[in-house]
């Protein structure tokens, strides 16, 4: 069992930031109140037009979409059942942990940037939310400010210096 899995178990489930929890709640609300009825209407329209033949690819697509939506709804409900919201005081600032905002310097390019280390369920690299299970998240975990981390990224070896850790 990895250090991250042990941490999750000790904390009683999947740690999630308040912002991540809210985003997942909004997603669930959208799926149940918008997407689900929209798909049901599309299936009803197909039934009314007698489009239930064996070769109805449009109906197959709608049913596939329905299965995907229902699967995601079930997944979100499972996440909510296993998640605990990180309170600000639970986020460490002396070392990198889940919820930490980390100011980094790419030593190769002398480029500064900031990431937030989160659980994989709320990771979104386009918004600088880095999974604790990603190569960068794993390399940062447990390190303190002013330490250097070296890790293997898909594009090769990376070296970063941790400049600051905050909430």
C-alpha atoms as a PDB file:
ATOM      1  CA  UNK A   1       0.000   0.000   0.000  1.00  0.00           C
ATOM      2  CA  UNK A   2       1.455   3.394  -0.982  1.00  0.00           C
ATOM      3  CA  UNK A   3       1.891   6.302   1.440  1.00  0.00           C
ATOM      4  CA  UNK A   4      -0.971   8.073  -0.343  1.00  0.00           C
ATOM      5  CA  UNK A   5      -3.333   5.095   0.040  1.00  0.00           C
ATOM      6  CA  UNK A   6      -2.420   4.833   3.746  1.00  0.00           C
ATOM      7  CA  UNK A   7      -3.140   8.549   4.167  1.00  0.00           C
ATOM      8  CA  UNK A   8      -6.543   8.159   2.471  1.00  0.00           C
ATOM      9  CA  UNK A   9      -7.389   5.204   4.715  1.00  0.00           C
ATOM     10  CA  UNK A  10      -6.337   7.054   7.876  1.00  0.00           C
ATOM     11  CA  UNK A  11      -8.430  10.068   6.953  1.00  0.00           C
ATOM     12  CA  UNK A  12     -11.480   7.926   6.296  1.00  0.00           C
ATOM     13  CA  UNK A  13     -11.857   8.066   2.534  1.00  0.00           C
ATOM     14  CA  UNK A  14     -11.027  10.225  -0.427  1.00  0.00           C
ATOM     15  CA  UNK A  15      -9.770  13.681   0.548  1.00  0.00           C
ATOM     16  CA  UNK A  16     -11.290  16.435  -1.564  1.00  0.00           C
ATOM     17  CA  UNK A  17     -11.009  20.208  -1.466  1.00  0.00           C
ATOM     18  CA  UNK A  18     -14.171  22.251  -0.790  1.00  0.00           C
ATOM     19  CA  UNK A  19     -13.905  23.643  -4.346  1.00  0.00           C
ATOM     20  CA  UNK A  20     -13.575  20.152  -5.816  1.00  0.00           C
ATOM     21  CA  UNK A  21     -16.555  18.942  -3.807  1.00  0.00           C
ATOM     22  CA  UNK A  22     -18.673  21.862  -5.076  1.00  0.00           C
ATOM     23  CA  UNK A  23     -17.623  21.232  -8.680  1.00  0.00           C
ATOM     24  CA  UNK A  24     -18.606  17.553  -8.418  1.00  0.00           C
ATOM     25  CA  UNK A  25     -21.949  18.536  -6.844  1.00  0.00           C
ATOM     26  CA  UNK A  26     -22.616  20.897  -9.762  1.00  0.00           C
ATOM     27  CA  UNK A  27     -21.727  18.128 -12.210  1.00  0.00           C
ATOM     28  CA  UNK A  28     -24.126  15.702 -10.503  1.00  0.00           C
ATOM     29  CA  UNK A  29     -26.894  18.312 -10.481  1.00  0.00           C
ATOM     30  CA  UNK A  30     -26.370  18.976 -14.205  1.00  0.00           C
ATOM     31  CA  UNK A  31     -26.395  15.269 -15.076  1.00  0.00           C
ATOM     32  CA  UNK A  32     -29.546  14.525 -13.080  1.00  0.00           C
ATOM     33  CA  UNK A  33     -31.556  17.654 -13.868  1.00  0.00           C
ATOM     34  CA  UNK A  34     -30.446  18.438 -17.452  1.00  0.00           C
ATOM     35  CA  UNK A  35     -28.752  15.507 -19.209  1.00  0.00           C
ATOM     36  CA  UNK A  36     -30.953  12.693 -17.863  1.00  0.00           C
ATOM     37  CA  UNK A  37     -34.265  14.363 -18.911  1.00  0.00           C
ATOM     38  CA  UNK A  38     -32.739  15.411 -22.247  1.00  0.00           C
ATOM     39  CA  UNK A  39     -31.776  11.808 -23.033  1.00  0.00           C
ATOM     40  CA  UNK A  40     -35.175  10.521 -21.911  1.00  0.00           C
ATOM     41  CA  UNK A  41     -36.859  13.002 -24.296  1.00  0.00           C
ATOM     42  CA  UNK A  42     -34.664  11.838 -27.184  1.00  0.00           C
ATOM     43  CA  UNK A  43     -35.536   8.187 -26.508  1.00  0.00           C
ATOM     44  CA  UNK A  44     -39.251   9.071 -26.276  1.00  0.00           C
ATOM     45  CA  UNK A  45     -39.065  10.885 -29.614  1.00  0.00           C
ATOM     46  CA  UNK A  46     -37.528   7.812 -31.212  1.00  0.00           C
ATOM     47  CA  UNK A  47     -40.335   5.642 -29.833  1.00  0.00           C
ATOM     48  CA  UNK A  48     -43.038   7.992 -31.095  1.00  0.00           C
ATOM     49  CA  UNK A  49     -41.560   7.985 -34.574  1.00  0.00           C
ATOM     50  CA  UNK A  50     -41.314   4.213 -34.655  1.00  0.00           C
ATOM     51  CA  UNK A  51     -37.544   4.336 -34.920  1.00  0.00           C
ATOM     52  CA  UNK A  52     -36.941   1.152 -32.949  1.00  0.00           C
ATOM     53  CA  UNK A  53     -35.659  -0.915 -35.823  1.00  0.00           C
ATOM     54  CA  UNK A  54     -32.594  -3.109 -35.495  1.00  0.00           C
ATOM     55  CA  UNK A  55     -30.474  -0.702 -37.576  1.00  0.00           C
ATOM     56  CA  UNK A  56     -31.249   2.517 -35.694  1.00  0.00           C
ATOM     57  CA  UNK A  57     -27.773   3.889 -35.036  1.00  0.00           C
ATOM     58  CA  UNK A  58     -29.121   7.156 -33.602  1.00  0.00           C
ATOM     59  CA  UNK A  59     -31.038   5.240 -30.929  1.00  0.00           C
ATOM     60  CA  UNK A  60     -27.938   3.183 -30.186  1.00  0.00           C
ATOM     61  CA  UNK A  61     -25.961   6.393 -29.705  1.00  0.00           C
ATOM     62  CA  UNK A  62     -28.590   7.818 -27.344  1.00  0.00           C
ATOM     63  CA  UNK A  63     -28.659   4.604 -25.317  1.00  0.00           C
ATOM     64  CA  UNK A  64     -24.857   4.604 -25.148  1.00  0.00           C
ATOM     65  CA  UNK A  65     -24.924   8.223 -23.954  1.00  0.00           C
ATOM     66  CA  UNK A  66     -27.578   7.270 -21.393  1.00  0.00           C
ATOM     67  CA  UNK A  67     -25.371   4.459 -20.089  1.00  0.00           C
ATOM     68  CA  UNK A  68     -22.405   6.843 -19.812  1.00  0.00           C
ATOM     69  CA  UNK A  69     -24.459   9.445 -17.927  1.00  0.00           C
ATOM     70  CA  UNK A  70     -25.897   6.842 -15.544  1.00  0.00           C
ATOM     71  CA  UNK A  71     -22.425   5.426 -14.981  1.00  0.00           C
ATOM     72  CA  UNK A  72     -21.036   8.866 -14.124  1.00  0.00           C
ATOM     73  CA  UNK A  73     -23.978   9.579 -11.782  1.00  0.00           C
ATOM     74  CA  UNK A  74     -23.282   6.310  -9.951  1.00  0.00           C
ATOM     75  CA  UNK A  75     -19.562   7.127  -9.822  1.00  0.00           C
ATOM     76  CA  UNK A  76     -20.237  10.594  -8.366  1.00  0.00           C
ATOM     77  CA  UNK A  77     -22.582   9.151  -5.732  1.00  0.00           C
ATOM     78  CA  UNK A  78     -19.875   6.650  -4.743  1.00  0.00           C
ATOM     79  CA  UNK A  79     -17.333   9.471  -4.515  1.00  0.00           C
ATOM     80  CA  UNK A  80     -19.653  11.493  -2.263  1.00  0.00           C
ATOM     81  CA  UNK A  81     -20.155   8.424  -0.064  1.00  0.00           C
ATOM     82  CA  UNK A  82     -16.390   7.984   0.333  1.00  0.00           C
ATOM     83  CA  UNK A  83     -15.160  11.574   0.309  1.00  0.00           C
ATOM     84  CA  UNK A  84     -14.248  13.843   3.154  1.00  0.00           C
ATOM     85  CA  UNK A  85     -13.834  17.548   2.620  1.00  0.00           C
ATOM     86  CA  UNK A  86     -10.429  18.922   3.566  1.00  0.00           C
ATOM     87  CA  UNK A  87     -10.759  21.692   6.106  1.00  0.00           C
ATOM     88  CA  UNK A  88      -8.163  24.447   5.588  1.00  0.00           C
ATOM     89  CA  UNK A  89      -6.318  23.521   8.789  1.00  0.00           C
ATOM     90  CA  UNK A  90      -5.913  19.944   7.473  1.00  0.00           C
ATOM     91  CA  UNK A  91      -3.814  21.184   4.544  1.00  0.00           C
ATOM     92  CA  UNK A  92      -0.128  21.199   5.518  1.00  0.00           C
ATOM     93  CA  UNK A  93       2.097  24.192   4.792  1.00  0.00           C
ATOM     94  CA  UNK A  94       5.364  22.791   6.199  1.00  0.00           C
ATOM     95  CA  UNK A  95       5.436  20.002   3.601  1.00  0.00           C
ATOM     96  CA  UNK A  96       3.482  19.165   0.452  1.00  0.00           C
ATOM     97  CA  UNK A  97       0.280  17.233   1.066  1.00  0.00           C
ATOM     98  CA  UNK A  98      -3.172  16.922  -0.441  1.00  0.00           C
ATOM     99  CA  UNK A  99      -4.675  20.376  -0.834  1.00  0.00           C
ATOM    100  CA  UNK A 100      -1.305  22.171  -0.736  1.00  0.00           C
ATOM    101  CA  UNK A 101      -0.689  25.033  -3.137  1.00  0.00           C
ATOM    102  CA  UNK A 102       2.924  24.725  -4.260  1.00  0.00           C
ATOM    103  CA  UNK A 103       4.997  27.477  -5.865  1.00  0.00           C
ATOM    104  CA  UNK A 104       7.619  25.825  -8.090  1.00  0.00           C
ATOM    105  CA  UNK A 105      10.610  26.824 -10.152  1.00  0.00           C
ATOM    106  CA  UNK A 106      11.464  24.713 -13.193  1.00  0.00           C
ATOM    107  CA  UNK A 107      15.250  24.619 -12.857  1.00  0.00           C
ATOM    108  CA  UNK A 108      15.805  23.816 -16.528  1.00  0.00           C
ATOM    109  CA  UNK A 109      13.877  26.839 -17.863  1.00  0.00           C
ATOM    110  CA  UNK A 110      13.945  29.085 -14.757  1.00  0.00           C
ATOM    111  CA  UNK A 111      10.164  29.312 -15.017  1.00  0.00           C
ATOM    112  CA  UNK A 112       7.993  29.821 -11.914  1.00  0.00           C
ATOM    113  CA  UNK A 113       4.493  28.408 -11.665  1.00  0.00           C
ATOM    114  CA  UNK A 114       1.983  27.253  -9.092  1.00  0.00           C
ATOM    115  CA  UNK A 115       0.012  24.015  -8.741  1.00  0.00           C
ATOM    116  CA  UNK A 116      -2.437  22.617  -6.232  1.00  0.00           C
ATOM    117  CA  UNK A 117      -1.964  18.980  -5.253  1.00  0.00           C
ATOM    118  CA  UNK A 118      -5.325  17.184  -5.124  1.00  0.00           C
ATOM    119  CA  UNK A 119      -6.745  13.670  -5.190  1.00  0.00           C
ATOM    120  CA  UNK A 120      -7.125  12.055  -8.591  1.00  0.00           C
ATOM    121  CA  UNK A 121     -10.897  12.558  -8.657  1.00  0.00           C
ATOM    122  CA  UNK A 122     -10.563  16.335  -8.859  1.00  0.00           C
ATOM    123  CA  UNK A 123      -7.325  16.572 -10.841  1.00  0.00           C
ATOM    124  CA  UNK A 124      -7.426  18.918 -13.822  1.00  0.00           C
ATOM    125  CA  UNK A 125      -4.001  19.862 -15.195  1.00  0.00           C
ATOM    126  CA  UNK A 126      -5.563  22.581 -17.381  1.00  0.00           C
ATOM    127  CA  UNK A 127      -6.512  24.365 -14.126  1.00  0.00           C
ATOM    128  CA  UNK A 128      -3.193  23.513 -12.393  1.00  0.00           C
ATOM    129  CA  UNK A 129      -4.871  20.893 -10.183  1.00  0.00           C
ATOM    130  CA  UNK A 130      -2.287  18.104 -10.099  1.00  0.00           C
ATOM    131  CA  UNK A 131      -3.130  14.588  -8.926  1.00  0.00           C
ATOM    132  CA  UNK A 132      -1.180  13.297  -5.951  1.00  0.00           C
ATOM    133  CA  UNK A 133      -0.805  10.112  -8.033  1.00  0.00           C
ATOM    134  CA  UNK A 134       0.753  11.872 -11.048  1.00  0.00           C
ATOM    135  CA  UNK A 135       4.537  11.852 -11.500  1.00  0.00           C
ATOM    136  CA  UNK A 136       4.746  15.483 -10.308  1.00  0.00           C
ATOM    137  CA  UNK A 137       2.331  14.976  -7.396  1.00  0.00           C
ATOM    138  CA  UNK A 138       4.169  11.861  -6.234  1.00  0.00           C
ATOM    139  CA  UNK A 139       7.539  13.647  -6.469  1.00  0.00           C
ATOM    140  CA  UNK A 140       6.296  16.660  -4.464  1.00  0.00           C
ATOM    141  CA  UNK A 141       4.447  14.722  -1.745  1.00  0.00           C
ATOM    142  CA  UNK A 142       6.081  15.100   1.668  1.00  0.00           C
ATOM    143  CA  UNK A 143       8.769  17.571   0.571  1.00  0.00           C
ATOM    144  CA  UNK A 144       9.343  20.984   2.146  1.00  0.00           C
ATOM    145  CA  UNK A 145       9.997  24.474   0.795  1.00  0.00           C
ATOM    146  CA  UNK A 146      13.410  25.039  -0.754  1.00  0.00           C
ATOM    147  CA  UNK A 147      13.874  21.339  -1.548  1.00  0.00           C
ATOM    148  CA  UNK A 148      14.551  20.128  -5.074  1.00  0.00           C
ATOM    149  CA  UNK A 149      12.576  17.270  -6.581  1.00  0.00           C
ATOM    150  CA  UNK A 150      13.625  15.230  -9.578  1.00  0.00           C
ATOM    151  CA  UNK A 151      11.168  12.961 -11.358  1.00  0.00           C
ATOM    152  CA  UNK A 152      10.552  11.241 -14.655  1.00  0.00           C
ATOM    153  CA  UNK A 153       7.829  12.938 -16.714  1.00  0.00           C
ATOM    154  CA  UNK A 154       6.510  11.703 -20.072  1.00  0.00           C
ATOM    155  CA  UNK A 155       8.797  14.198 -21.837  1.00  0.00           C
ATOM    156  CA  UNK A 156      11.848  13.257 -19.756  1.00  0.00           C
ATOM    157  CA  UNK A 157      13.540  14.007 -16.443  1.00  0.00           C
ATOM    158  CA  UNK A 158      12.352  17.171 -14.678  1.00  0.00           C
ATOM    159  CA  UNK A 159      13.951  19.154 -11.832  1.00  0.00           C
ATOM    160  CA  UNK A 160      11.884  21.587  -9.790  1.00  0.00           C
ATOM    161  CA  UNK A 161      12.601  23.593  -6.676  1.00  0.00           C
ATOM    162  CA  UNK A 162       9.775  24.083  -4.185  1.00  0.00           C
ATOM    163  CA  UNK A 163       9.709  27.822  -3.449  1.00  0.00           C
ATOM    164  CA  UNK A 164       6.698  27.957  -1.127  1.00  0.00           C
ATOM    165  CA  UNK A 165       3.820  25.888   0.204  1.00  0.00           C
ATOM    166  CA  UNK A 166       0.484  27.407   1.182  1.00  0.00           C
ATOM    167  CA  UNK A 167      -3.181  26.547   1.563  1.00  0.00           C
END
